[in-house]
Amino acid sequence: MAAITRERAERIGKSHACTHCKEYSFKKLVVKPAPESITAELGAVWVVTRTCGVCGYQSELGLEADGDIVFES
């Protein structure tokens, strides 16, 4: 199975609500390839870093090659 694209990872990041206020508005969203350490330990291919547009909460999502969320912090 091929890994999901950066655009798909961005769409997945936008489609999950902020864990703090439960809103879907993000003023900043960055998608980067996961570091080798995270890939080896958790199997994440992409890391989505996002800042909520409502409450300003910053969070990260780790995505596997098939689009499943591996971690959220």
Protein backbone atom coordinates (compact mmCIF):
# COMPACT_ATOMS: atom_id res chain seq x y z
CA MET A 1 0.00 0.00 0.00
CA ALA A 2 1.34 3.44 -0.91
CA ALA A 3 1.59 6.09 1.76
CA ILE A 4 -1.01 8.85 1.79
CA THR A 5 -0.07 12.15 0.15
CA ARG A 6 0.74 15.38 1.96
CA GLU A 7 -2.58 16.84 0.75
CA ARG A 8 -4.51 13.89 2.19
CA ALA A 9 -2.64 14.22 5.51
CA GLU A 10 -3.57 17.91 5.60
CA ARG A 11 -7.23 17.10 4.96
CA ILE A 12 -7.21 14.50 7.76
CA GLY A 13 -5.63 17.04 10.12
CA LYS A 14 -8.35 19.59 9.35
CA SER A 15 -11.15 17.04 9.76
CA HIS A 16 -10.40 16.30 13.43
CA ALA A 17 -11.62 18.78 16.02
CA CYS A 18 -9.38 20.64 18.45
CA THR A 19 -8.98 18.49 21.56
CA HIS A 20 -9.32 21.53 23.79
CA CYS A 21 -12.41 23.39 22.51
CA LYS A 22 -13.83 20.90 19.94
CA GLU A 23 -13.85 23.46 17.09
CA TYR A 24 -12.70 22.72 13.52
CA SER A 25 -11.10 26.10 12.76
CA PHE A 26 -7.29 26.11 12.55
CA LYS A 27 -5.28 29.26 11.92
CA LYS A 28 -2.07 27.32 11.27
CA LEU A 29 -1.64 23.79 9.99
CA VAL A 30 1.73 22.31 8.94
CA VAL A 31 2.30 18.81 7.54
CA LYS A 32 5.82 17.38 7.69
CA PRO A 33 7.28 13.92 7.14
CA ALA A 34 7.69 12.12 10.45
CA PRO A 35 11.23 11.84 11.84
CA GLU A 36 12.84 8.41 11.60
CA SER A 37 12.58 7.90 15.37
CA ILE A 38 8.78 8.33 15.32
CA THR A 39 8.46 6.21 12.19
CA ALA A 40 10.44 3.37 13.79
CA GLU A 41 8.65 3.53 17.15
CA LEU A 42 5.04 4.32 16.17
CA GLY A 43 4.86 3.77 12.42
CA ALA A 44 3.83 7.36 11.65
CA VAL A 45 4.58 8.67 8.16
CA TRP A 46 3.32 12.26 8.59
CA VAL A 47 3.18 14.66 11.56
CA VAL A 48 0.50 17.35 11.42
CA THR A 49 1.15 20.35 13.67
CA ARG A 50 -1.83 22.64 14.10
CA THR A 51 -2.90 25.73 16.04
CA CYS A 52 -6.57 26.21 16.83
CA GLY A 53 -8.11 29.39 15.45
CA VAL A 54 -10.56 29.67 18.36
CA CYS A 55 -8.62 28.89 21.55
CA GLY A 56 -5.00 28.91 20.28
CA TYR A 57 -4.29 25.36 21.50
CA GLN A 58 -1.35 23.69 19.72
CA SER A 59 -1.49 19.98 18.97
CA GLU A 60 0.19 17.32 16.84
CA LEU A 61 -1.24 14.33 15.03
CA GLY A 62 0.84 11.39 13.83
CA LEU A 63 -0.56 9.62 10.76
CA GLU A 64 0.20 6.11 9.49
CA ALA A 65 0.62 5.33 5.78
CA ASP A 66 -3.07 4.38 5.48
CA GLY A 67 -4.28 7.61 7.18
CA ASP A 68 -4.99 6.26 10.66
CA ILE A 69 -4.04 8.49 13.59
CA VAL A 70 -1.22 6.93 15.63
CA PHE A 71 -0.84 9.64 18.26
CA GLU A 72 -2.25 13.01 19.26
CA SER A 73 -0.59 15.39 21.65
